[in-house]
Amino acid sequence: MNIGIVVPIKAFGAAKHRLDGLLERAERVQLARAMAEDVLEMVARVEGVGHFAVSEDPEALALATRYGIEPIEDRAVQGQSAAVRQGFDAAWDRGFSAAVTIPGDVPGVSLDDLQTLCTYRPEVEVVLVPDRDRLGTNGLRLIPPHAIALRFGEDSLRLHQDEAARSGRSMVVLPLPTLAVDLDRPEDVAAYLRWAPATRALQVLGDLKIGDRLLAFPQRRA
């Protein structure tokens, strides 16, 4: 397979509003930047593929360029689906027959899991990686890049499954542990601290003493 990997990155200043109350705005910006750099560094390590980052944030695009990843300005600014679609279209235009996307807020992603997503069962047209709640989509591979409509957001795992069925595409759900944990809510941060992968994001959370702050937040899971 000839694959392009696309990372959509929300503007750092607008990221992680669901962590409001746990983090101040400047702290959310700091965390978003660290997470994006963790993800971009790992994506850049995947050899033999194309690398793309899509964002409306010039700082995020400059960070991608630093890692040798092609920056694509998000001209739509209409959310994750639109950003990923721009990246997938760019990959297709540059001759890539398949496309993979992971979000910019899965800082614990491993090289092994990224490579597995790229190479797993190449005959399958739609590969979906669920989040830890099995509601969201934290990884997606499409062959070809326009195989289905993109439906990121609330309940996206089911919506992407529905799109695959509607389009008559072969589909599989592939759990990958290091892609399961994004950092959207306080309980996600708590799970990430328990996992404690050695990342920039973990360093930021430690410096901010987030573990102490989480004691004031009721957790929905142990």
C-alpha atoms as a PDB file:
ATOM      1  CA  MET A   1       0.000   0.000   0.000  1.00  0.00           C
ATOM      2  CA  ASN A   2       1.049   3.543  -0.744  1.00  0.00           C
ATOM      3  CA  ILE A   3      -0.126   5.413   2.371  1.00  0.00           C
ATOM      4  CA  GLY A   4      -0.302   9.012   3.490  1.00  0.00           C
ATOM      5  CA  ILE A   5      -0.719   9.757   7.218  1.00  0.00           C
ATOM      6  CA  VAL A   6      -2.735  12.866   8.083  1.00  0.00           C
ATOM      7  CA  VAL A   7      -2.742  14.578  11.495  1.00  0.00           C
ATOM      8  CA  PRO A   8      -5.425  17.251  12.040  1.00  0.00           C
ATOM      9  CA  ILE A   9      -4.393  19.759  14.703  1.00  0.00           C
ATOM     10  CA  LYS A  10      -6.856  22.165  16.230  1.00  0.00           C
ATOM     11  CA  ALA A  11      -5.582  25.691  16.858  1.00  0.00           C
ATOM     12  CA  PHE A  12      -3.747  25.543  20.164  1.00  0.00           C
ATOM     13  CA  GLY A  13      -5.612  28.536  21.539  1.00  0.00           C
ATOM     14  CA  ALA A  14      -8.974  26.882  20.880  1.00  0.00           C
ATOM     15  CA  ALA A  15      -8.112  23.385  22.070  1.00  0.00           C
ATOM     16  CA  LYS A  16      -9.301  21.353  25.044  1.00  0.00           C
ATOM     17  CA  HIS A  17     -12.227  23.435  26.259  1.00  0.00           C
ATOM     18  CA  ARG A  18     -13.631  20.376  28.042  1.00  0.00           C
ATOM     19  CA  LEU A  19     -10.656  20.648  30.391  1.00  0.00           C
ATOM     20  CA  ASP A  20     -11.753  24.125  31.426  1.00  0.00           C
ATOM     21  CA  GLY A  21     -11.909  24.163  35.206  1.00  0.00           C
ATOM     22  CA  LEU A  22      -9.033  21.718  35.455  1.00  0.00           C
ATOM     23  CA  LEU A  23      -6.668  23.828  33.356  1.00  0.00           C
ATOM     24  CA  GLU A  24      -6.398  27.560  32.740  1.00  0.00           C
ATOM     25  CA  ARG A  25      -6.386  28.697  29.115  1.00  0.00           C
ATOM     26  CA  ALA A  26      -2.608  29.159  28.984  1.00  0.00           C
ATOM     27  CA  GLU A  27      -2.170  25.696  30.467  1.00  0.00           C
ATOM     28  CA  ARG A  28      -4.517  24.166  27.887  1.00  0.00           C
ATOM     29  CA  VAL A  29      -2.446  25.796  25.143  1.00  0.00           C
ATOM     30  CA  GLN A  30       0.728  24.379  26.682  1.00  0.00           C
ATOM     31  CA  LEU A  31      -0.777  20.889  26.861  1.00  0.00           C
ATOM     32  CA  ALA A  32      -2.194  21.027  23.325  1.00  0.00           C
ATOM     33  CA  ARG A  33       1.201  22.033  21.959  1.00  0.00           C
ATOM     34  CA  ALA A  34       2.966  19.228  23.837  1.00  0.00           C
ATOM     35  CA  MET A  35       0.438  16.623  22.672  1.00  0.00           C
ATOM     36  CA  ALA A  36       0.727  17.726  19.048  1.00  0.00           C
ATOM     37  CA  GLU A  37       4.516  17.519  19.195  1.00  0.00           C
ATOM     38  CA  ASP A  38       4.380  14.024  20.711  1.00  0.00           C
ATOM     39  CA  VAL A  39       2.083  12.867  17.898  1.00  0.00           C
ATOM     40  CA  LEU A  40       4.006  14.595  15.099  1.00  0.00           C
ATOM     41  CA  GLU A  41       7.317  13.178  16.294  1.00  0.00           C
ATOM     42  CA  MET A  42       5.914   9.637  16.253  1.00  0.00           C
ATOM     43  CA  VAL A  43       4.228  10.052  12.865  1.00  0.00           C
ATOM     44  CA  ALA A  44       7.485  11.351  11.396  1.00  0.00           C
ATOM     45  CA  ARG A  45       9.183   8.116  12.486  1.00  0.00           C
ATOM     46  CA  VAL A  46       6.941   5.968  10.258  1.00  0.00           C
ATOM     47  CA  GLU A  47       9.050   5.225   7.198  1.00  0.00           C
ATOM     48  CA  GLY A  48       7.898   4.708   3.628  1.00  0.00           C
ATOM     49  CA  VAL A  49       4.715   6.788   3.919  1.00  0.00           C
ATOM     50  CA  GLY A  50       3.605  10.346   3.245  1.00  0.00           C
ATOM     51  CA  HIS A  51       3.269  12.702   6.195  1.00  0.00           C
ATOM     52  CA  PHE A  52       0.730  15.543   6.359  1.00  0.00           C
ATOM     53  CA  ALA A  53      -0.553  17.888   9.062  1.00  0.00           C
ATOM     54  CA  VAL A  54      -3.662  20.046   8.656  1.00  0.00           C
ATOM     55  CA  SER A  55      -4.296  23.082  10.840  1.00  0.00           C
ATOM     56  CA  GLU A  56      -5.449  26.692  10.777  1.00  0.00           C
ATOM     57  CA  ASP A  57      -2.770  27.469  13.374  1.00  0.00           C
ATOM     58  CA  PRO A  58       0.535  28.743  11.895  1.00  0.00           C
ATOM     59  CA  GLU A  59       2.386  27.571  15.007  1.00  0.00           C
ATOM     60  CA  ALA A  60       1.086  24.015  14.549  1.00  0.00           C
ATOM     61  CA  LEU A  61       2.069  24.035  10.879  1.00  0.00           C
ATOM     62  CA  ALA A  62       5.542  25.324  11.727  1.00  0.00           C
ATOM     63  CA  LEU A  63       5.888  22.515  14.272  1.00  0.00           C
ATOM     64  CA  ALA A  64       4.919  19.970  11.616  1.00  0.00           C
ATOM     65  CA  THR A  65       7.473  21.414   9.202  1.00  0.00           C
ATOM     66  CA  ARG A  66      10.167  21.048  11.864  1.00  0.00           C
ATOM     67  CA  TYR A  67       9.508  17.280  11.821  1.00  0.00           C
ATOM     68  CA  GLY A  68       9.582  17.045   8.033  1.00  0.00           C
ATOM     69  CA  ILE A  69       5.799  16.756   7.778  1.00  0.00           C
ATOM     70  CA  GLU A  70       4.048  18.561   4.923  1.00  0.00           C
ATOM     71  CA  PRO A  71       1.895  21.400   6.329  1.00  0.00           C
ATOM     72  CA  ILE A  72      -1.575  21.989   4.892  1.00  0.00           C
ATOM     73  CA  GLU A  73      -3.472  25.108   5.872  1.00  0.00           C
ATOM     74  CA  ASP A  74      -7.005  24.302   7.006  1.00  0.00           C
ATOM     75  CA  ARG A  75      -8.956  26.688   4.790  1.00  0.00           C
ATOM     76  CA  ALA A  76     -12.348  25.301   5.781  1.00  0.00           C
ATOM     77  CA  VAL A  77     -11.991  25.576   9.588  1.00  0.00           C
ATOM     78  CA  GLN A  78     -15.115  23.439   9.976  1.00  0.00           C
ATOM     79  CA  GLY A  79     -13.912  20.791  12.383  1.00  0.00           C
ATOM     80  CA  GLN A  80     -12.022  17.513  12.314  1.00  0.00           C
ATOM     81  CA  SER A  81     -13.869  15.864   9.429  1.00  0.00           C
ATOM     82  CA  ALA A  82     -13.263  18.809   7.103  1.00  0.00           C
ATOM     83  CA  ALA A  83      -9.611  19.031   8.149  1.00  0.00           C
ATOM     84  CA  VAL A  84      -9.003  15.324   7.590  1.00  0.00           C
ATOM     85  CA  ARG A  85     -10.798  15.462   4.245  1.00  0.00           C
ATOM     86  CA  GLN A  86      -8.419  18.211   3.085  1.00  0.00           C
ATOM     87  CA  GLY A  87      -5.483  16.052   4.133  1.00  0.00           C
ATOM     88  CA  PHE A  88      -6.873  12.933   2.471  1.00  0.00           C
ATOM     89  CA  ASP A  89      -7.542  14.884  -0.737  1.00  0.00           C
ATOM     90  CA  ALA A  90      -3.952  16.133  -0.697  1.00  0.00           C
ATOM     91  CA  ALA A  91      -2.671  12.587  -0.193  1.00  0.00           C
ATOM     92  CA  TRP A  92      -4.801  11.341  -3.105  1.00  0.00           C
ATOM     93  CA  ASP A  93      -3.614  14.207  -5.322  1.00  0.00           C
ATOM     94  CA  ARG A  94       0.002  13.272  -4.553  1.00  0.00           C
ATOM     95  CA  GLY A  95      -0.564   9.673  -5.627  1.00  0.00           C
ATOM     96  CA  PHE A  96      -1.277   7.922  -2.323  1.00  0.00           C
ATOM     97  CA  SER A  97      -3.810   5.109  -2.753  1.00  0.00           C
ATOM     98  CA  ALA A  98      -4.579   4.842   0.980  1.00  0.00           C
ATOM     99  CA  ALA A  99      -4.770   7.295   3.846  1.00  0.00           C
ATOM    100  CA  VAL A 100      -4.517   7.056   7.627  1.00  0.00           C
ATOM    101  CA  THR A 101      -5.457   9.660  10.190  1.00  0.00           C
ATOM    102  CA  ILE A 102      -4.918   9.961  13.913  1.00  0.00           C
ATOM    103  CA  PRO A 103      -5.792  13.044  15.988  1.00  0.00           C
ATOM    104  CA  GLY A 104      -3.284  15.420  17.517  1.00  0.00           C
ATOM    105  CA  ASP A 105      -4.359  14.575  21.080  1.00  0.00           C
ATOM    106  CA  VAL A 106      -3.192  10.961  21.435  1.00  0.00           C
ATOM    107  CA  PRO A 107       0.299  11.726  22.761  1.00  0.00           C
ATOM    108  CA  GLY A 108       0.961   8.181  23.945  1.00  0.00           C
ATOM    109  CA  VAL A 109       0.693   6.650  20.471  1.00  0.00           C
ATOM    110  CA  SER A 110       3.455   4.132  19.779  1.00  0.00           C
ATOM    111  CA  LEU A 111       5.346   3.489  16.580  1.00  0.00           C
ATOM    112  CA  ASP A 112       4.221  -0.158  16.666  1.00  0.00           C
ATOM    113  CA  ASP A 113       0.531   0.780  16.794  1.00  0.00           C
ATOM    114  CA  LEU A 114       0.935   3.347  14.018  1.00  0.00           C
ATOM    115  CA  GLN A 115       2.665   0.808  11.806  1.00  0.00           C
ATOM    116  CA  THR A 116      -0.009  -1.769  12.600  1.00  0.00           C
ATOM    117  CA  LEU A 117      -2.736   0.658  11.532  1.00  0.00           C
ATOM    118  CA  CYS A 118      -0.888   1.283   8.280  1.00  0.00           C
ATOM    119  CA  THR A 119      -0.230  -2.358   7.400  1.00  0.00           C
ATOM    120  CA  TYR A 120      -3.068  -4.374   8.984  1.00  0.00           C
ATOM    121  CA  ARG A 121      -5.022  -6.502   6.492  1.00  0.00           C
ATOM    122  CA  PRO A 122      -4.461  -4.447   3.332  1.00  0.00           C
ATOM    123  CA  GLU A 123      -7.522  -5.973   1.693  1.00  0.00           C
ATOM    124  CA  VAL A 124      -9.829  -4.156   4.165  1.00  0.00           C
ATOM    125  CA  GLU A 125     -11.096  -0.819   2.863  1.00  0.00           C
ATOM    126  CA  VAL A 126     -12.080   0.783   6.198  1.00  0.00           C
ATOM    127  CA  VAL A 127     -10.143   0.211   9.432  1.00  0.00           C
ATOM    128  CA  LEU A 128     -11.457   1.945  12.555  1.00  0.00           C
ATOM    129  CA  VAL A 129      -9.546   2.335  15.827  1.00  0.00           C
ATOM    130  CA  PRO A 130     -11.890   3.067  18.767  1.00  0.00           C
ATOM    131  CA  ASP A 131     -11.235   5.302  21.739  1.00  0.00           C
ATOM    132  CA  ARG A 132     -11.265   3.740  25.194  1.00  0.00           C
ATOM    133  CA  ASP A 133     -15.036   4.208  25.479  1.00  0.00           C
ATOM    134  CA  ARG A 134     -15.568   2.567  22.055  1.00  0.00           C
ATOM    135  CA  LEU A 135     -17.626   5.572  21.010  1.00  0.00           C
ATOM    136  CA  GLY A 136     -15.117   7.767  19.200  1.00  0.00           C
ATOM    137  CA  THR A 137     -12.682   7.114  16.339  1.00  0.00           C
ATOM    138  CA  ASN A 138      -9.030   7.638  17.286  1.00  0.00           C
ATOM    139  CA  GLY A 139      -7.608   6.093  14.141  1.00  0.00           C
ATOM    140  CA  LEU A 140      -8.928   5.573  10.632  1.00  0.00           C
ATOM    141  CA  ARG A 141      -7.500   3.994   7.490  1.00  0.00           C
ATOM    142  CA  LEU A 142      -9.290   4.269   4.163  1.00  0.00           C
ATOM    143  CA  ILE A 143      -8.508   2.540   0.872  1.00  0.00           C
ATOM    144  CA  PRO A 144      -8.936   4.629  -1.227  1.00  0.00           C
ATOM    145  CA  PRO A 145      -8.786   7.892   0.780  1.00  0.00           C
ATOM    146  CA  HIS A 146     -12.306   8.816  -0.351  1.00  0.00           C
ATOM    147  CA  ALA A 147     -13.821   5.400   0.483  1.00  0.00           C
ATOM    148  CA  ILE A 148     -16.444   6.815   2.877  1.00  0.00           C
ATOM    149  CA  ALA A 149     -17.758  10.124   4.169  1.00  0.00           C
ATOM    150  CA  LEU A 150     -15.973  11.274   7.325  1.00  0.00           C
ATOM    151  CA  ARG A 151     -18.093  11.584  10.464  1.00  0.00           C
ATOM    152  CA  PHE A 152     -15.780  12.591  13.303  1.00  0.00           C
ATOM    153  CA  GLY A 153     -17.428  13.925  16.449  1.00  0.00           C
ATOM    154  CA  GLU A 154     -20.048  12.502  18.782  1.00  0.00           C
ATOM    155  CA  ASP A 155     -20.551   8.724  18.354  1.00  0.00           C
ATOM    156  CA  SER A 156     -18.167   8.693  15.385  1.00  0.00           C
ATOM    157  CA  LEU A 157     -17.268   5.005  15.643  1.00  0.00           C
ATOM    158  CA  ARG A 158     -20.858   3.952  14.955  1.00  0.00           C
ATOM    159  CA  LEU A 159     -21.301   6.650  12.312  1.00  0.00           C
ATOM    160  CA  HIS A 160     -18.188   5.518  10.456  1.00  0.00           C
ATOM    161  CA  GLN A 161     -19.396   1.914  10.633  1.00  0.00           C
ATOM    162  CA  ASP A 162     -22.710   3.043   9.181  1.00  0.00           C
ATOM    163  CA  GLU A 163     -20.934   4.900   6.377  1.00  0.00           C
ATOM    164  CA  ALA A 164     -18.897   1.804   5.519  1.00  0.00           C
ATOM    165  CA  ALA A 165     -22.055  -0.317   5.372  1.00  0.00           C
ATOM    166  CA  ARG A 166     -23.886   2.315   3.309  1.00  0.00           C
ATOM    167  CA  SER A 167     -20.997   2.496   0.843  1.00  0.00           C
ATOM    168  CA  GLY A 168     -20.567  -1.268   0.603  1.00  0.00           C
ATOM    169  CA  ARG A 169     -17.006  -1.127   1.908  1.00  0.00           C
ATOM    170  CA  SER A 170     -15.270  -3.884   3.850  1.00  0.00           C
ATOM    171  CA  MET A 171     -14.686  -2.762   7.436  1.00  0.00           C
ATOM    172  CA  VAL A 172     -12.999  -3.880  10.636  1.00  0.00           C
ATOM    173  CA  VAL A 173     -12.685  -2.373  14.114  1.00  0.00           C
ATOM    174  CA  LEU A 174      -9.086  -2.665  15.310  1.00  0.00           C
ATOM    175  CA  PRO A 175      -8.418  -1.777  18.972  1.00  0.00           C
ATOM    176  CA  LEU A 176      -4.914  -0.403  19.467  1.00  0.00           C
ATOM    177  CA  PRO A 177      -4.064   0.382  23.090  1.00  0.00           C
ATOM    178  CA  THR A 178      -1.849   3.435  22.608  1.00  0.00           C
ATOM    179  CA  LEU A 179      -4.423   5.073  20.347  1.00  0.00           C
ATOM    180  CA  ALA A 180      -7.284   4.497  22.777  1.00  0.00           C
ATOM    181  CA  VAL A 181      -6.458   7.303  25.204  1.00  0.00           C
ATOM    182  CA  ASP A 182      -7.023  10.864  24.047  1.00  0.00           C
ATOM    183  CA  LEU A 183      -7.082  13.786  26.460  1.00  0.00           C
ATOM    184  CA  ASP A 184     -10.520  15.363  26.191  1.00  0.00           C
ATOM    185  CA  ARG A 185     -11.962  15.203  29.723  1.00  0.00           C
ATOM    186  CA  PRO A 186     -10.635  15.138  33.292  1.00  0.00           C
ATOM    187  CA  GLU A 187     -11.231  11.377  33.474  1.00  0.00           C
ATOM    188  CA  ASP A 188      -9.113  10.940  30.329  1.00  0.00           C
ATOM    189  CA  VAL A 189      -6.307  12.878  31.973  1.00  0.00           C
ATOM    190  CA  ALA A 190      -6.604  10.638  35.045  1.00  0.00           C
ATOM    191  CA  ALA A 191      -6.335   7.535  32.837  1.00  0.00           C
ATOM    192  CA  TYR A 192      -3.315   9.001  31.089  1.00  0.00           C
ATOM    193  CA  LEU A 193      -1.582   9.724  34.396  1.00  0.00           C
ATOM    194  CA  ARG A 194      -2.159   6.116  35.511  1.00  0.00           C
ATOM    195  CA  TRP A 195      -0.719   4.848  32.213  1.00  0.00           C
ATOM    196  CA  ALA A 196       2.171   7.385  32.401  1.00  0.00           C
ATOM    197  CA  PRO A 197       3.879   7.002  29.004  1.00  0.00           C
ATOM    198  CA  ALA A 198       7.113   8.995  28.752  1.00  0.00           C
ATOM    199  CA  THR A 199       5.923  11.966  26.695  1.00  0.00           C
ATOM    200  CA  ARG A 200       6.049  15.754  26.615  1.00  0.00           C
ATOM    201  CA  ALA A 201       2.379  15.769  27.549  1.00  0.00           C
ATOM    202  CA  LEU A 202       3.037  13.761  30.697  1.00  0.00           C
ATOM    203  CA  GLN A 203       5.833  16.157  31.621  1.00  0.00           C
ATOM    204  CA  VAL A 204       3.487  19.133  31.247  1.00  0.00           C
ATOM    205  CA  LEU A 205       0.812  17.460  33.369  1.00  0.00           C
ATOM    206  CA  GLY A 206       3.392  16.656  36.019  1.00  0.00           C
ATOM    207  CA  ASP A 207       4.776  20.186  36.059  1.00  0.00           C
ATOM    208  CA  LEU A 208       1.236  21.519  36.521  1.00  0.00           C
ATOM    209  CA  LYS A 209       0.582  19.046  39.366  1.00  0.00           C
ATOM    210  CA  ILE A 210      -2.580  17.878  37.648  1.00  0.00           C
ATOM    211  CA  GLY A 211      -2.774  14.768  39.834  1.00  0.00           C
ATOM    212  CA  ASP A 212      -3.480  16.969  42.858  1.00  0.00           C
ATOM    213  CA  ARG A 213      -6.107  18.980  40.968  1.00  0.00           C
ATOM    214  CA  LEU A 214      -7.896  15.832  39.836  1.00  0.00           C
ATOM    215  CA  LEU A 215      -8.705  15.005  43.447  1.00  0.00           C
ATOM    216  CA  ALA A 216     -11.362  17.738  43.222  1.00  0.00           C
ATOM    217  CA  PHE A 217     -12.996  16.070  40.213  1.00  0.00           C
ATOM    218  CA  PRO A 218     -15.278  13.020  40.642  1.00  0.00           C
ATOM    219  CA  GLN A 219     -14.139  10.287  38.277  1.00  0.00           C
ATOM    220  CA  ARG A 220     -16.581   8.155  36.343  1.00  0.00           C
ATOM    221  CA  ARG A 221     -14.191   5.216  36.279  1.00  0.00           C
ATOM    222  CA  ALA A 222     -11.470   3.856  38.523  1.00  0.00           C
END
